[in-house]
N, C-alpha and C. Protein backbone atom coordinates (compact mmCIF):
# COMPACT_ATOMS: atom_id res chain seq x y z
N MET A 1 -5.84 4.28 -17.74
CA MET A 1 -5.38 3.98 -16.54
C MET A 1 -6.86 3.31 -16.26
N ASN A 2 -7.14 2.23 -15.53
CA ASN A 2 -8.44 1.99 -14.93
C ASN A 2 -9.06 2.73 -14.29
N GLN A 3 -10.63 2.97 -14.23
CA GLN A 3 -11.55 3.31 -13.38
C GLN A 3 -11.41 3.06 -12.20
N SER A 4 -11.42 4.14 -11.27
CA SER A 4 -11.15 3.83 -9.86
C SER A 4 -12.77 3.27 -9.80
N PRO A 5 -12.71 3.14 -8.01
CA PRO A 5 -14.07 2.66 -7.55
C PRO A 5 -14.92 4.24 -7.48
N MET A 6 -14.28 5.40 -7.12
CA MET A 6 -15.01 6.32 -7.05
C MET A 6 -15.75 6.91 -8.46
N SER A 7 -14.64 6.63 -9.43
CA SER A 7 -15.44 7.36 -10.51
C SER A 7 -16.42 6.47 -10.89
N GLU A 8 -16.50 5.12 -10.87
CA GLU A 8 -17.33 3.90 -10.94
C GLU A 8 -18.98 4.70 -10.37
N LEU A 9 -18.64 5.01 -9.29
CA LEU A 9 -19.72 4.94 -8.36
C LEU A 9 -20.91 6.23 -9.02
N ASP A 10 -22.14 5.77 -9.16
CA ASP A 10 -23.40 6.29 -9.47
C ASP A 10 -23.97 6.82 -8.18
N ILE A 11 -23.52 8.50 -8.50
CA ILE A 11 -23.95 8.89 -7.21
C ILE A 11 -25.73 9.11 -6.69
N THR A 12 -26.09 9.56 -8.17
CA THR A 12 -27.32 9.32 -8.04
C THR A 12 -28.23 8.28 -7.63
N ALA A 13 -27.67 6.98 -8.28
CA ALA A 13 -28.35 5.65 -7.81
C ALA A 13 -28.38 5.46 -6.19
N ALA A 14 -26.95 6.21 -5.78
CA ALA A 14 -26.68 5.87 -4.28
C ALA A 14 -27.34 6.43 -3.46
N ASN A 15 -27.94 7.77 -3.93
CA ASN A 15 -28.90 8.78 -3.22
C ASN A 15 -30.08 8.26 -3.26
N ALA A 16 -30.46 7.48 -4.47
CA ALA A 16 -32.09 7.19 -4.45
C ALA A 16 -32.07 5.71 -3.51
N ALA A 17 -31.11 5.02 -3.69
CA ALA A 17 -31.45 3.32 -3.15
C ALA A 17 -30.03 3.32 -2.14
N PRO A 18 -30.08 3.81 -1.22
CA PRO A 18 -28.96 3.67 -0.19
C PRO A 18 -28.54 2.15 0.37
N PRO A 19 -27.43 1.84 0.25
CA PRO A 19 -26.88 0.81 0.43
C PRO A 19 -27.11 0.18 1.64
N ARG A 20 -27.53 -1.35 2.04
CA ARG A 20 -28.01 -1.96 3.21
C ARG A 20 -26.55 -2.54 3.66
N PHE A 21 -26.25 -2.08 4.78
CA PHE A 21 -24.75 -2.77 5.13
C PHE A 21 -25.22 -3.94 6.30
N ASP A 22 -25.20 -4.83 5.86
CA ASP A 22 -26.00 -5.91 6.56
C ASP A 22 -24.85 -6.61 7.48
N ALA A 23 -25.23 -7.49 8.46
CA ALA A 23 -24.47 -8.39 9.14
C ALA A 23 -23.47 -8.69 8.87
N PRO A 24 -23.11 -9.66 7.74
CA PRO A 24 -21.97 -10.03 7.21
C PRO A 24 -20.79 -9.02 6.78
N PHE A 25 -21.31 -7.63 5.85
CA PHE A 25 -20.85 -6.57 5.84
C PHE A 25 -19.99 -6.12 7.11
N GLN A 26 -21.22 -5.74 8.22
CA GLN A 26 -20.56 -5.33 9.34
C GLN A 26 -19.28 -5.98 10.08
N ALA A 27 -19.53 -7.44 9.84
CA ALA A 27 -18.60 -8.37 10.40
C ALA A 27 -17.00 -8.12 9.97
N LYS A 28 -17.06 -8.00 8.26
CA LYS A 28 -15.96 -7.77 7.39
C LYS A 28 -15.01 -6.36 7.80
N LEU A 29 -16.27 -5.65 8.42
CA LEU A 29 -15.31 -4.32 8.29
C LEU A 29 -14.54 -4.17 9.72
N ALA A 30 -15.53 -4.96 10.70
CA ALA A 30 -14.42 -4.99 12.06
C ALA A 30 -13.48 -5.83 11.90
N GLU A 31 -13.37 -6.79 11.08
CA GLU A 31 -11.86 -7.61 10.65
C GLU A 31 -10.96 -6.62 10.37
N LEU A 32 -11.87 -5.70 9.24
CA LEU A 32 -10.84 -4.86 8.76
C LEU A 32 -10.17 -3.90 9.52
N ILE A 33 -10.79 -3.59 10.57
CA ILE A 33 -10.52 -2.61 11.50
C ILE A 33 -9.73 -3.08 12.55
N ALA A 34 -9.65 -4.50 12.76
CA ALA A 34 -8.97 -5.22 14.03
C ALA A 34 -7.53 -5.47 13.02
N TRP A 35 -7.29 -5.96 11.79
CA TRP A 35 -6.26 -5.97 11.21
C TRP A 35 -5.52 -4.80 10.50
N ARG A 36 -6.09 -3.54 10.73
CA ARG A 36 -5.18 -2.72 10.15
C ARG A 36 -4.15 -2.29 11.36
N ARG A 37 -2.87 -2.29 10.64
CA ARG A 37 -1.73 -2.54 11.47
C ARG A 37 -0.67 -1.16 10.77
N ASP A 38 -0.31 -0.76 12.06
CA ASP A 38 1.43 0.53 11.28
C ASP A 38 2.40 -0.58 11.14
N VAL A 39 2.45 -0.43 9.79
CA VAL A 39 3.53 -1.74 9.00
C VAL A 39 4.61 -1.17 8.70
N ARG A 40 6.01 -1.51 9.18
CA ARG A 40 7.06 -0.91 9.06
C ARG A 40 7.98 -1.94 8.15
N ARG A 41 7.71 -2.96 8.22
CA ARG A 41 8.73 -3.84 7.43
C ARG A 41 7.64 -4.38 5.93
N PHE A 42 8.40 -3.88 4.88
CA PHE A 42 7.93 -4.03 3.78
C PHE A 42 8.74 -4.84 3.08
N ARG A 43 7.94 -5.47 1.66
CA ARG A 43 8.71 -6.36 0.62
C ARG A 43 9.03 -4.51 -0.44
N GLY A 44 10.10 -4.91 -1.51
CA GLY A 44 10.45 -4.09 -2.15
C GLY A 44 9.38 -3.93 -3.50
N ASP A 45 8.75 -5.06 -3.45
CA ASP A 45 7.70 -4.99 -4.70
C ASP A 45 7.05 -3.63 -4.76
N ALA A 46 6.94 -3.39 -6.47
CA ALA A 46 6.18 -2.01 -6.74
C ALA A 46 4.74 -2.26 -6.36
N VAL A 47 4.18 -1.30 -6.50
CA VAL A 47 2.71 -1.07 -5.92
C VAL A 47 2.22 -0.26 -7.61
N ALA A 48 0.96 -0.99 -8.27
CA ALA A 48 0.65 -0.39 -9.53
C ALA A 48 0.07 0.88 -9.06
N PRO A 49 0.51 2.17 -9.99
CA PRO A 49 -0.02 3.15 -9.99
C PRO A 49 -1.28 3.31 -9.74
N GLU A 50 -2.32 2.84 -10.45
CA GLU A 50 -3.63 2.59 -10.61
C GLU A 50 -3.97 2.24 -9.26
N LEU A 51 -3.43 1.21 -8.58
CA LEU A 51 -4.12 1.47 -7.37
C LEU A 51 -3.93 2.36 -6.30
N ILE A 52 -2.90 2.96 -6.35
CA ILE A 52 -2.49 3.98 -5.73
C ILE A 52 -3.61 5.06 -6.17
N GLU A 53 -3.78 5.46 -7.10
CA GLU A 53 -4.75 6.52 -7.84
C GLU A 53 -6.17 5.92 -6.93
N GLN A 54 -6.43 4.68 -7.27
CA GLN A 54 -7.88 4.22 -6.74
C GLN A 54 -8.09 5.04 -5.25
N LEU A 55 -7.14 4.39 -4.54
CA LEU A 55 -7.08 4.77 -3.12
C LEU A 55 -6.95 5.94 -2.78
N LEU A 56 -6.40 6.99 -3.50
CA LEU A 56 -6.65 8.57 -3.34
C LEU A 56 -8.18 8.99 -3.62
N ASP A 57 -8.42 8.55 -4.80
CA ASP A 57 -9.80 8.83 -4.93
C ASP A 57 -10.76 8.09 -3.68
N LEU A 58 -10.84 7.55 -3.30
CA LEU A 58 -11.62 6.84 -2.00
C LEU A 58 -11.41 7.73 -0.95
N ALA A 59 -9.91 8.46 -0.81
CA ALA A 59 -9.63 9.06 0.42
C ALA A 59 -10.35 10.62 0.22
N GLN A 60 -10.59 10.85 -0.97
CA GLN A 60 -11.80 12.07 -0.94
C GLN A 60 -12.81 12.02 -0.74
N LEU A 61 -13.47 10.81 -0.16
CA LEU A 61 -14.80 10.58 0.19
C LEU A 61 -14.70 11.07 1.89
N ALA A 62 -13.15 10.99 2.48
CA ALA A 62 -13.47 11.38 3.85
C ALA A 62 -14.16 12.72 4.14
N PRO A 63 -14.46 12.69 5.62
CA PRO A 63 -15.26 14.02 5.99
C PRO A 63 -14.50 15.12 6.33
N SER A 64 -14.49 16.00 6.00
CA SER A 64 -13.86 17.36 6.35
C SER A 64 -14.54 18.42 7.09
N VAL A 65 -13.77 19.14 7.76
CA VAL A 65 -14.62 20.46 8.10
C VAL A 65 -14.69 21.94 7.17
N GLY A 66 -15.90 22.18 7.19
CA GLY A 66 -16.64 22.63 6.17
C GLY A 66 -16.42 21.96 5.02
N ASN A 67 -16.16 20.93 4.66
CA ASN A 67 -15.77 20.64 3.26
C ASN A 67 -14.91 21.25 2.52
N SER A 68 -14.10 21.35 3.42
CA SER A 68 -12.33 22.25 2.89
C SER A 68 -11.04 21.36 2.37
N GLN A 69 -11.73 19.75 2.60
CA GLN A 69 -10.26 19.17 1.95
C GLN A 69 -9.22 19.35 2.26
N PRO A 70 -8.69 19.94 3.14
CA PRO A 70 -7.46 20.75 3.33
C PRO A 70 -5.78 19.74 3.02
N TRP A 71 -6.11 18.48 3.05
CA TRP A 71 -5.06 17.70 2.90
C TRP A 71 -4.30 17.79 1.63
N ARG A 72 -2.98 17.90 1.66
CA ARG A 72 -2.22 17.83 0.37
C ARG A 72 -1.01 17.14 0.49
N TRP A 73 -0.65 16.27 -0.48
CA TRP A 73 -0.12 15.04 -0.79
C TRP A 73 1.38 15.25 -1.27
N VAL A 74 2.44 14.99 -0.96
CA VAL A 74 3.76 15.11 -1.51
C VAL A 74 4.23 13.72 -1.89
N SER A 75 4.49 12.93 -3.02
CA SER A 75 4.90 11.96 -3.28
C SER A 75 6.50 11.73 -3.09
N VAL A 76 7.10 11.17 -2.10
CA VAL A 76 8.55 11.20 -2.16
C VAL A 76 8.82 10.21 -2.76
N ASP A 77 9.54 10.57 -3.92
CA ASP A 77 9.99 9.19 -4.80
C ASP A 77 11.52 9.21 -5.00
N SER A 78 12.36 10.16 -5.03
CA SER A 78 13.58 10.44 -5.23
C SER A 78 14.51 9.81 -4.15
N ALA A 79 15.49 8.72 -4.77
CA ALA A 79 16.42 8.39 -3.50
C ALA A 79 16.91 9.47 -2.65
N ALA A 80 17.27 10.64 -3.20
CA ALA A 80 17.98 11.61 -2.61
C ALA A 80 17.00 12.42 -1.59
N MET A 81 15.69 12.51 -1.82
CA MET A 81 14.93 13.12 -0.94
C MET A 81 14.57 12.18 0.16
N ARG A 82 14.67 10.75 -0.06
CA ARG A 82 14.12 9.84 0.87
C ARG A 82 15.15 9.69 1.86
N GLU A 83 16.45 9.79 1.29
CA GLU A 83 17.71 9.67 2.39
C GLU A 83 17.60 10.84 3.12
N THR A 84 17.20 12.24 2.82
CA THR A 84 17.13 13.32 3.37
C THR A 84 16.08 12.91 4.70
N ILE A 85 14.98 12.14 4.17
CA ILE A 85 13.82 12.51 5.16
C ILE A 85 14.50 11.20 6.21
N ARG A 86 15.34 10.18 5.86
CA ARG A 86 15.64 9.27 6.37
C ARG A 86 16.62 9.73 7.64
N ALA A 87 17.51 10.76 7.19
CA ALA A 87 18.34 11.41 8.05
C ALA A 87 17.68 12.03 8.94
N ASN A 88 16.29 13.03 8.83
CA ASN A 88 15.87 13.50 9.85
C ASN A 88 15.45 12.62 10.94
N PHE A 89 14.97 11.32 10.21
CA PHE A 89 14.60 10.16 11.31
C PHE A 89 15.50 10.17 11.96
N VAL A 90 16.77 9.68 11.39
CA VAL A 90 17.92 9.06 12.51
C VAL A 90 18.12 10.03 13.50
N LEU A 91 18.20 11.61 13.00
CA LEU A 91 18.38 12.29 14.42
C LEU A 91 17.37 12.65 15.16
N SER A 92 15.97 12.57 14.79
CA SER A 92 15.02 12.53 15.42
C SER A 92 14.86 11.36 16.63
N ASN A 93 15.38 10.06 16.32
CA ASN A 93 15.21 9.01 16.95
C ASN A 93 16.48 9.21 17.81
N GLU A 94 17.43 9.48 17.41
CA GLU A 94 18.39 9.60 18.83
C GLU A 94 18.13 10.60 19.86
N ARG A 95 17.27 11.57 19.35
CA ARG A 95 16.82 12.57 20.18
C ARG A 95 16.04 11.94 21.15
N ALA A 96 14.94 11.21 20.50
CA ALA A 96 14.06 10.74 21.32
C ALA A 96 14.59 9.39 22.29
N ALA A 97 15.52 8.43 21.82
CA ALA A 97 16.29 7.74 22.56
C ALA A 97 16.57 7.76 23.45
N ALA A 98 17.18 8.92 23.81
CA ALA A 98 18.14 9.92 24.70
C ALA A 98 16.91 10.29 25.67
N THR A 99 15.82 10.35 25.81
CA THR A 99 14.97 10.35 26.80
C THR A 99 14.49 9.33 27.69
N TYR A 100 14.97 8.08 27.34
CA TYR A 100 14.68 6.90 28.09
C TYR A 100 15.74 6.22 28.91
N ARG A 101 15.94 5.52 29.83
CA ARG A 101 16.46 5.11 30.70
C ARG A 101 16.62 3.68 30.66
N GLY A 102 17.70 2.84 31.52
CA GLY A 102 18.01 1.70 31.72
C GLY A 102 17.07 0.25 30.61
N ALA A 103 16.11 -0.26 31.07
CA ALA A 103 15.56 -1.28 30.31
C ALA A 103 14.90 -0.75 29.26
N ARG A 104 14.36 0.32 29.62
CA ARG A 104 13.18 0.96 28.50
C ARG A 104 13.96 1.62 27.24
N ALA A 105 14.78 2.05 27.66
CA ALA A 105 16.04 2.58 26.34
C ALA A 105 16.56 1.27 25.91
N GLU A 106 17.05 0.49 26.35
CA GLU A 106 17.37 -0.88 25.92
C GLU A 106 16.31 -1.52 24.65
N LEU A 107 15.25 -1.42 25.32
CA LEU A 107 13.88 -1.91 24.36
C LEU A 107 13.66 -0.92 23.13
N TYR A 108 13.76 0.15 23.57
CA TYR A 108 13.37 1.12 22.53
C TYR A 108 14.18 1.12 21.23
N ALA A 109 15.85 0.75 21.83
CA ALA A 109 16.94 0.54 20.73
C ALA A 109 16.63 -0.32 19.87
N ARG A 110 15.69 -1.46 20.07
CA ARG A 110 15.28 -2.37 19.50
C ARG A 110 14.46 -2.50 18.69
N LEU A 111 13.42 -1.55 18.85
CA LEU A 111 12.24 -1.27 18.15
C LEU A 111 12.49 -0.88 16.64
N LYS A 112 11.81 -1.52 15.85
CA LYS A 112 11.95 -1.20 14.24
C LYS A 112 10.22 -0.34 14.12
N LEU A 113 10.86 0.97 14.23
CA LEU A 113 9.80 2.51 14.10
C LEU A 113 9.85 2.91 12.57
N GLU A 114 10.35 2.66 11.41
CA GLU A 114 9.76 2.98 10.16
C GLU A 114 10.25 1.92 9.17
N GLY A 115 9.68 2.55 7.81
CA GLY A 115 10.04 1.18 6.92
C GLY A 115 10.77 2.24 5.67
N ILE A 116 11.41 3.30 5.88
CA ILE A 116 11.69 4.11 4.91
C ILE A 116 12.63 3.67 3.93
N ASP A 117 13.46 2.77 4.09
CA ASP A 117 14.83 2.33 3.20
C ASP A 117 13.97 1.35 2.28
N VAL A 118 12.87 0.84 2.86
CA VAL A 118 12.19 -0.11 1.48
C VAL A 118 10.91 0.16 0.94
N ALA A 119 10.10 0.82 1.94
CA ALA A 119 8.48 1.07 1.12
C ALA A 119 8.77 1.77 -0.26
N PRO A 120 7.94 1.11 -1.15
CA PRO A 120 8.07 1.42 -2.42
C PRO A 120 7.30 2.88 -2.79
N ARG A 121 6.36 2.93 -1.81
CA ARG A 121 5.72 4.39 -2.06
C ARG A 121 5.66 5.13 -0.73
N GLN A 122 6.14 6.48 -0.59
CA GLN A 122 6.42 7.23 0.37
C GLN A 122 5.47 8.47 0.02
N PHE A 123 4.52 8.93 1.05
CA PHE A 123 3.68 10.40 0.99
C PHE A 123 4.37 11.19 2.26
N ALA A 124 4.55 12.46 1.94
CA ALA A 124 4.44 13.32 3.18
C ALA A 124 2.77 13.79 2.88
N LEU A 125 2.03 14.32 4.25
CA LEU A 125 0.87 14.68 4.34
C LEU A 125 0.81 16.03 4.86
N PHE A 126 -0.02 17.15 4.25
CA PHE A 126 -0.01 18.30 4.77
C PHE A 126 -1.34 18.94 5.41
N CYS A 127 -1.39 19.82 6.09
CA CYS A 127 -2.56 20.41 6.12
C CYS A 127 -2.38 22.05 5.80
N ASP A 128 -3.35 22.24 4.47
CA ASP A 128 -3.15 23.66 4.17
C ASP A 128 -3.90 24.43 4.89
N ARG A 129 -3.60 25.52 5.54
CA ARG A 129 -3.98 26.08 6.56
C ARG A 129 -4.65 27.67 5.88
N GLY A 130 -4.09 27.46 4.83
CA GLY A 130 -4.45 28.64 4.33
C GLY A 130 -5.29 28.87 3.10
N THR A 131 -5.98 27.30 2.92
CA THR A 131 -7.05 27.38 1.71
C THR A 131 -8.44 27.93 1.95
N ASP A 132 -9.02 28.54 0.97
CA ASP A 132 -10.16 29.35 1.05
C ASP A 132 -11.50 28.27 1.14
N GLN A 133 -11.04 27.22 0.69
CA GLN A 133 -12.15 26.04 0.38
C GLN A 133 -13.14 25.95 1.91
N GLY A 134 -13.96 25.69 1.93
CA GLY A 134 -15.25 25.99 3.09
C GLY A 134 -15.24 27.15 3.66
N ALA A 135 -14.54 28.09 3.35
CA ALA A 135 -14.90 29.61 3.85
C ALA A 135 -14.92 29.79 5.54
N GLY A 136 -14.08 28.93 5.79
CA GLY A 136 -13.77 28.72 7.34
C GLY A 136 -14.82 28.15 8.26
N VAL A 137 -16.05 27.91 7.64
CA VAL A 137 -16.93 26.92 8.56
C VAL A 137 -16.44 25.99 9.07
N GLY A 138 -16.94 26.09 10.47
CA GLY A 138 -16.58 24.99 11.40
C GLY A 138 -15.08 25.16 12.18
N CYS A 139 -14.35 26.16 11.61
CA CYS A 139 -13.23 26.09 12.21
C CYS A 139 -12.55 27.60 12.40
N GLN A 140 -13.87 28.20 13.04
CA GLN A 140 -13.23 29.74 13.45
C GLN A 140 -12.66 29.37 14.86
N SER A 141 -13.69 28.79 15.67
CA SER A 141 -13.29 28.65 17.27
C SER A 141 -12.05 27.53 17.29
N MET A 142 -12.18 26.61 16.57
CA MET A 142 -11.19 25.89 16.58
C MET A 142 -10.24 25.32 15.05
N PRO A 143 -9.20 26.38 15.02
CA PRO A 143 -8.92 26.33 13.47
C PRO A 143 -8.12 24.68 13.47
N GLU A 144 -7.57 24.25 14.32
CA GLU A 144 -7.00 22.73 14.38
C GLU A 144 -7.96 21.86 13.63
N ALA A 145 -9.21 22.24 14.05
CA ALA A 145 -10.00 20.88 12.76
C ALA A 145 -9.55 21.24 11.83
N LEU A 146 -8.88 21.79 10.98
CA LEU A 146 -8.56 21.65 9.61
C LEU A 146 -7.34 20.38 9.54
N ASP A 147 -6.43 20.40 11.02
CA ASP A 147 -5.44 19.17 11.03
C ASP A 147 -6.29 18.07 11.15
N TYR A 148 -7.34 17.97 11.96
CA TYR A 148 -8.14 16.51 12.50
C TYR A 148 -8.44 16.10 10.97
N SER A 149 -9.43 17.31 10.25
CA SER A 149 -9.58 16.51 8.78
C SER A 149 -9.02 15.60 7.80
N VAL A 150 -7.30 16.16 7.99
CA VAL A 150 -6.52 15.75 7.63
C VAL A 150 -6.25 14.15 7.87
N VAL A 151 -6.20 14.06 9.51
CA VAL A 151 -6.27 12.96 9.94
C VAL A 151 -7.15 11.66 9.77
N VAL A 152 -8.35 12.20 9.84
CA VAL A 152 -9.71 11.31 9.43
C VAL A 152 -8.96 10.77 7.93
N MET A 153 -8.69 11.76 6.97
CA MET A 153 -8.27 11.20 5.65
C MET A 153 -7.49 10.21 5.47
N ILE A 154 -6.67 10.42 6.34
CA ILE A 154 -5.32 9.33 6.60
C ILE A 154 -6.00 7.91 6.73
N GLU A 155 -6.93 7.97 8.15
CA GLU A 155 -7.34 6.93 8.51
C GLU A 155 -8.17 6.23 7.78
N THR A 156 -9.16 7.02 6.48
CA THR A 156 -9.66 6.76 5.37
C THR A 156 -9.07 6.05 4.26
N PHE A 157 -7.82 6.39 3.66
CA PHE A 157 -6.74 5.96 3.13
C PHE A 157 -6.13 4.71 3.91
N TRP A 158 -6.10 4.65 4.96
CA TRP A 158 -5.28 3.40 5.65
C TRP A 158 -6.25 2.26 5.69
N LEU A 159 -7.57 2.47 5.83
CA LEU A 159 -8.35 1.52 5.89
C LEU A 159 -8.73 0.99 4.43
N ALA A 160 -8.79 1.85 3.35
CA ALA A 160 -8.87 1.39 2.02
C ALA A 160 -7.47 0.54 1.58
N ALA A 161 -6.37 1.04 1.95
CA ALA A 161 -5.53 0.32 1.66
C ALA A 161 -5.17 -1.19 2.11
N ARG A 162 -5.62 -1.25 3.32
CA ARG A 162 -5.75 -2.52 3.89
C ARG A 162 -6.37 -3.49 3.56
N ALA A 163 -7.54 -3.18 3.08
CA ALA A 163 -8.63 -3.78 2.19
C ALA A 163 -8.03 -4.22 1.10
N ALA A 164 -7.31 -3.40 0.29
CA ALA A 164 -6.53 -4.04 -1.06
C ALA A 164 -5.15 -5.01 -0.78
N GLY A 165 -4.94 -5.18 0.63
CA GLY A 165 -3.86 -6.10 1.23
C GLY A 165 -2.64 -5.26 1.44
N LEU A 166 -2.47 -3.74 1.05
CA LEU A 166 -1.09 -2.94 1.48
C LEU A 166 -1.16 -2.65 2.62
N GLY A 167 -0.13 -2.68 3.05
CA GLY A 167 0.21 -2.06 4.53
C GLY A 167 0.71 -0.44 4.45
N VAL A 168 0.24 0.38 5.68
CA VAL A 168 0.73 1.68 5.67
C VAL A 168 1.52 1.88 6.88
N GLY A 169 2.47 2.55 7.01
CA GLY A 169 3.09 2.95 8.39
C GLY A 169 3.47 4.49 8.71
N TRP A 170 2.90 4.61 9.47
CA TRP A 170 2.74 6.48 9.79
C TRP A 170 4.37 6.50 10.58
N VAL A 171 5.01 7.36 9.96
CA VAL A 171 6.35 7.99 10.49
C VAL A 171 6.33 8.94 11.40
N SER A 172 6.16 9.16 12.68
CA SER A 172 5.92 10.40 13.50
C SER A 172 7.61 11.02 13.96
N ILE A 173 8.42 10.38 13.84
CA ILE A 173 9.76 10.62 14.38
C ILE A 173 10.52 11.21 13.68
N LEU A 174 10.05 12.41 13.34
CA LEU A 174 10.78 13.47 12.40
C LEU A 174 10.40 14.82 12.77
N ASP A 175 11.25 15.85 12.42
CA ASP A 175 11.25 17.19 12.61
C ASP A 175 10.41 18.02 11.75
N PRO A 176 9.31 18.19 12.04
CA PRO A 176 8.05 18.41 10.97
C PRO A 176 8.88 20.02 10.27
N ARG A 177 9.52 20.60 11.01
CA ARG A 177 9.90 22.37 10.34
C ARG A 177 10.76 21.84 9.45
N GLN A 178 11.74 20.85 9.54
CA GLN A 178 12.72 20.42 8.79
C GLN A 178 12.12 19.63 7.25
N VAL A 179 11.05 18.76 7.55
CA VAL A 179 10.29 18.15 6.49
C VAL A 179 9.80 19.09 5.73
N GLU A 180 9.30 20.30 6.27
CA GLU A 180 8.62 21.38 5.31
C GLU A 180 9.57 22.24 4.58
N ALA A 181 10.99 22.10 5.37
CA ALA A 181 11.93 22.80 4.52
C ALA A 181 12.41 22.23 3.16
N ASP A 182 12.67 20.73 3.63
CA ASP A 182 13.16 19.66 2.91
C ASP A 182 12.28 19.63 1.46
N LEU A 183 11.47 19.29 1.62
CA LEU A 183 9.91 19.32 0.59
C LEU A 183 10.05 20.44 0.06
N ASP A 184 10.01 21.85 0.61
CA ASP A 184 9.81 23.19 0.06
C ASP A 184 8.35 23.27 -0.65
N VAL A 185 7.71 22.72 0.38
CA VAL A 185 6.11 23.46 0.10
C VAL A 185 6.01 24.57 0.59
N PRO A 186 4.59 25.03 0.36
CA PRO A 186 4.07 26.60 0.61
C PRO A 186 3.85 26.78 2.22
N GLU A 187 3.95 27.97 2.52
CA GLU A 187 4.19 28.57 3.81
C GLU A 187 3.14 28.06 4.62
N SER A 188 1.75 28.05 3.99
CA SER A 188 0.43 27.73 4.55
C SER A 188 0.57 26.46 4.81
N TRP A 189 1.39 25.21 4.49
CA TRP A 189 0.99 24.12 4.45
C TRP A 189 1.89 23.30 5.91
N LYS A 190 0.97 22.72 6.74
CA LYS A 190 1.58 22.20 8.26
C LYS A 190 1.88 20.45 8.10
N PHE A 191 2.92 20.09 8.23
CA PHE A 191 3.29 18.77 7.83
C PHE A 191 2.32 18.01 9.47
N ILE A 192 2.00 17.19 8.80
CA ILE A 192 0.91 15.98 9.54
C ILE A 192 1.39 14.65 9.91
N ALA A 193 1.84 13.97 8.39
CA ALA A 193 2.21 12.32 8.69
C ALA A 193 3.23 12.74 7.56
N TYR A 194 4.00 11.40 7.66
CA TYR A 194 5.10 10.80 6.55
C TYR A 194 4.33 9.27 6.58
N LEU A 195 3.82 8.99 5.22
CA LEU A 195 3.51 7.37 5.35
C LEU A 195 4.28 6.50 4.01
N CYS A 196 4.45 5.41 4.55
CA CYS A 196 5.38 4.48 4.37
C CYS A 196 4.03 3.51 3.56
N VAL A 197 4.34 3.15 2.10
CA VAL A 197 3.02 2.54 1.44
C VAL A 197 3.63 1.45 0.81
N GLY A 198 3.14 0.15 0.83
CA GLY A 198 3.86 -1.11 0.42
C GLY A 198 3.26 -2.47 0.73
N TRP A 199 3.73 -3.36 0.25
CA TRP A 199 3.25 -5.04 0.60
C TRP A 199 4.11 -5.30 1.92
N PRO A 200 3.15 -5.83 2.69
CA PRO A 200 3.81 -6.04 4.29
C PRO A 200 4.35 -7.44 3.99
N VAL A 201 5.77 -7.14 4.77
CA VAL A 201 6.32 -8.72 4.77
C VAL A 201 5.75 -9.99 5.56
N GLU A 202 4.46 -9.25 6.63
CA GLU A 202 4.10 -10.25 7.77
C GLU A 202 3.02 -9.61 8.01
N GLU A 203 2.27 -10.44 8.64
CA GLU A 203 1.04 -9.69 8.71
C GLU A 203 0.44 -10.15 10.30
N HIS A 204 0.14 -9.28 11.38
CA HIS A 204 -0.45 -9.76 12.79
C HIS A 204 -1.54 -8.87 13.36
N ILE A 205 -2.47 -9.52 13.72
CA ILE A 205 -3.70 -8.57 14.30
C ILE A 205 -3.07 -7.86 15.56
N ASP A 206 -2.37 -8.38 16.33
CA ASP A 206 -1.59 -7.52 17.48
C ASP A 206 -0.61 -6.49 16.67
N PRO A 207 -0.85 -5.22 17.28
CA PRO A 207 0.49 -4.16 17.10
C PRO A 207 1.38 -4.43 17.36
N GLU A 208 2.60 -3.94 16.46
CA GLU A 208 4.01 -4.41 16.56
C GLU A 208 4.84 -4.45 18.10
N LEU A 209 4.12 -2.55 18.66
CA LEU A 209 4.63 -2.62 19.85
C LEU A 209 4.28 -3.62 20.79
N VAL A 210 2.87 -3.93 20.78
CA VAL A 210 2.51 -5.06 21.78
C VAL A 210 3.33 -6.39 21.77
N ARG A 211 3.50 -6.62 20.53
CA ARG A 211 4.44 -7.84 20.47
C ARG A 211 5.62 -8.12 20.86
N HIS A 212 6.16 -6.75 20.84
CA HIS A 212 7.60 -6.69 21.02
C HIS A 212 7.76 -5.88 22.80
N HIS A 213 6.62 -6.09 23.36
CA HIS A 213 6.71 -5.96 24.80
C HIS A 213 6.69 -4.23 25.32
N TRP A 214 6.62 -3.43 24.04
CA TRP A 214 6.64 -2.20 24.51
C TRP A 214 5.27 -1.38 25.37
N GLN A 215 4.09 -1.54 24.69
CA GLN A 215 2.81 -1.18 25.66
C GLN A 215 1.73 -2.14 25.16
N ASP A 216 1.15 -2.90 26.11
CA ASP A 216 -0.02 -3.52 25.79
C ASP A 216 -1.29 -2.72 25.41
N ARG A 217 -2.45 -3.13 24.60
CA ARG A 217 -3.56 -2.18 24.58
C ARG A 217 -4.09 -2.23 25.75
N THR A 218 -4.95 -1.34 26.47
CA THR A 218 -5.87 -1.07 27.72
C THR A 218 -7.17 -0.42 27.12
N SER A 219 -7.68 -0.21 28.47
CA SER A 219 -8.94 0.24 28.09
C SER A 219 -8.96 1.66 28.59
N ALA A 220 -7.84 2.23 28.67
CA ALA A 220 -7.81 3.55 28.77
C ALA A 220 -8.71 4.38 27.99
N GLY A 221 -8.90 4.43 26.66
CA GLY A 221 -9.91 5.19 26.00
C GLY A 221 -10.95 4.89 25.76
N ARG A 222 -11.49 3.76 26.70
CA ARG A 222 -12.81 3.07 26.56
C ARG A 222 -13.70 3.99 27.40
N THR A 223 -13.21 4.58 28.56
CA THR A 223 -14.10 5.18 29.38
C THR A 223 -15.14 6.37 29.11
N VAL A 224 -16.31 6.18 29.03
CA VAL A 224 -17.26 7.32 28.97
C VAL A 224 -17.46 8.17 29.81
N LEU A 225 -17.27 9.57 30.13
CA LEU A 225 -17.85 10.13 31.45
C LEU A 225 -19.37 10.49 30.96
N SER A 226 -20.19 10.81 32.22
CA SER A 226 -21.33 10.99 32.04
C SER A 226 -21.77 12.38 32.59
N ARG A 227 -22.25 13.41 32.29
CA ARG A 227 -22.13 14.84 33.03
C ARG A 227 -23.62 15.08 33.26
């Protein structure tokens, strides 16, 4: 197996001589963030296992509360289990669709919301809320910080995948308790996300929900209150 970027990194040298992230790098980073998309349309081409291993290594560099690294990966590979997840999505999506009326319901029915049928790699992500790692530092008063750590790791993985040309799609229209039961994970594991990973059919800088007139981007999250 090829060495991963993480295994090639000389930590001692990195600490002795911190890198300089110059203006061209910053511009490329901004471009990467802008072009990160939630992908639902995948080609069926395989993804090299070595590339996935490299991305998983990079994801381990993500921050976590108390250095707990509570993320747990389940690679969903069998056709039978993918069909089980797909059935979960269909039922959950029917329930979600029933909450809309009129034109909104018609538009929702036309949206492409997952890529389970095609994505060559699929992962269920869990938070191990029973982990001893980190000894509870930082999450005594906010135990959900463990969950947030998993989400930050997912974003790290997502950006690394995008930089490698891969697309990632987060499927959230699922019954989490059913996913936990179907994948037979330990009781301390909480379901966080289902990720579809593969080569995108198309690339757009605008989110699919914007392109299909569901919701434009706004400045809602840009407001900063001062106290």
